[in-house]
C-alpha atoms as a PDB file:
ATOM      1  CA  MET A   1      -0.027   0.214  -0.057  1.00  0.00           C
ATOM      2  CA  ASN A   2       1.720   3.270  -0.822  1.00  0.00           C
ATOM      3  CA  LEU A   3       0.483   6.527   1.225  1.00  0.00           C
ATOM      4  CA  SER A   4       3.070   8.577  -0.122  1.00  0.00           C
ATOM      5  CA  GLY A   5       1.240  10.395  -2.834  1.00  0.00           C
ATOM      6  CA  GLU A   6       4.806   9.746  -4.504  1.00  0.00           C
ATOM      7  CA  PRO A   7       5.730   6.825  -7.213  1.00  0.00           C
ATOM      8  CA  LEU A   8       7.223   4.205  -6.506  1.00  0.00           C
ATOM      9  CA  PRO A   9      11.084   3.797  -6.685  1.00  0.00           C
ATOM     10  CA  PRO A  10      12.144   2.085  -9.874  1.00  0.00           C
ATOM     11  CA  GLN A  11      12.409  -0.989  -8.662  1.00  0.00           C
ATOM     12  CA  LEU A  12       9.067  -2.011  -7.337  1.00  0.00           C
ATOM     13  CA  ARG A  13       7.315  -1.119 -10.419  1.00  0.00           C
ATOM     14  CA  GLY A  14       5.199  -4.244 -12.111  1.00  0.00           C
ATOM     15  CA  GLN A  15       4.373  -4.877  -8.161  1.00  0.00           C
ATOM     16  CA  THR A  16       0.555  -5.162  -7.074  1.00  0.00           C
ATOM     17  CA  VAL A  17       0.247  -1.654  -5.516  1.00  0.00           C
ATOM     18  CA  ARG A  18      -2.898   0.330  -3.753  1.00  0.00           C
ATOM     19  CA  THR A  19      -2.298   3.522  -3.236  1.00  0.00           C
ATOM     20  CA  GLY A  20      -5.218   5.965  -1.571  1.00  0.00           C
ATOM     21  CA  ALA A  21      -4.263   9.513  -0.383  1.00  0.00           C
ATOM     22  CA  VAL A  22      -4.946  10.369   3.617  1.00  0.00           C
ATOM     23  CA  GLU A  23      -3.894  13.964   4.719  1.00  0.00           C
ATOM     24  CA  ASP A  24      -0.727  13.646   6.760  1.00  0.00           C
ATOM     25  CA  PRO A  25      -1.140  13.910  10.464  1.00  0.00           C
ATOM     26  CA  VAL A  26       1.921  15.805  11.544  1.00  0.00           C
ATOM     27  CA  THR A  27       1.288  19.197  12.523  1.00  0.00           C
ATOM     28  CA  GLY A  28      -2.334  18.323  13.065  1.00  0.00           C
ATOM     29  CA  ASP A  29      -4.365  18.870  15.992  1.00  0.00           C
ATOM     30  CA  GLN A  30      -6.051  15.412  16.950  1.00  0.00           C
ATOM     31  CA  LYS A  31      -9.157  15.261  15.304  1.00  0.00           C
ATOM     32  CA  VAL A  32      -7.616  14.909  11.998  1.00  0.00           C
ATOM     33  CA  HIS A  33      -4.521  12.458  13.349  1.00  0.00           C
ATOM     34  CA  LEU A  34      -7.949  10.149  13.638  1.00  0.00           C
ATOM     35  CA  ALA A  35      -9.306  11.035  10.692  1.00  0.00           C
ATOM     36  CA  ALA A  36      -5.422   9.577   8.945  1.00  0.00           C
ATOM     37  CA  ALA A  37      -6.036   7.407  11.018  1.00  0.00           C
ATOM     38  CA  ASP A  38      -9.423   6.015  10.518  1.00  0.00           C
ATOM     39  CA  LYS A  39      -8.664   6.083   6.740  1.00  0.00           C
ATOM     40  CA  ILE A  40      -6.163   3.934   6.950  1.00  0.00           C
ATOM     41  CA  GLU A  41      -7.931   1.354   9.194  1.00  0.00           C
ATOM     42  CA  GLY A  42     -10.829   1.396   6.277  1.00  0.00           C
ATOM     43  CA  MET A  43      -7.326   1.108   3.311  1.00  0.00           C
ATOM     44  CA  VAL A  44      -6.833  -2.158   5.514  1.00  0.00           C
ATOM     45  CA  GLN A  45      -9.726  -3.611   6.461  1.00  0.00           C
ATOM     46  CA  ARG A  46     -10.913  -3.808   2.547  1.00  0.00           C
ATOM     47  CA  LEU A  47      -7.235  -4.900   1.838  1.00  0.00           C
ATOM     48  CA  VAL A  48      -7.856  -8.019   4.330  1.00  0.00           C
ATOM     49  CA  LEU A  49     -11.151  -8.748   2.933  1.00  0.00           C
ATOM     50  CA  GLU A  50     -10.178  -8.889  -0.608  1.00  0.00           C
ATOM     51  CA  PHE A  51      -7.039 -10.902   0.065  1.00  0.00           C
ATOM     52  CA  ARG A  52      -9.463 -13.711   1.736  1.00  0.00           C
ATOM     53  CA  GLY A  53     -11.232 -13.591  -1.292  1.00  0.00           C
ATOM     54  CA  ARG A  54      -8.815 -14.948  -3.183  1.00  0.00           C
ATOM     55  CA  THR A  55      -7.342 -17.788  -0.700  1.00  0.00           C
ATOM     56  CA  ARG A  56     -11.519 -19.074  -1.387  1.00  0.00           C
END
């Protein structure tokens, strides 16, 4: 999962990559941190469900 907003290095290109835009919470208040955490959690949950679907 690439959350950086930047392209991957050449050695990683060609891999399956999911991207997601998440606001950088470093300078934000608690509300910004919680929003970023919630968004990342949702992305990870979707990824888990995707992988589980592949193994069935």
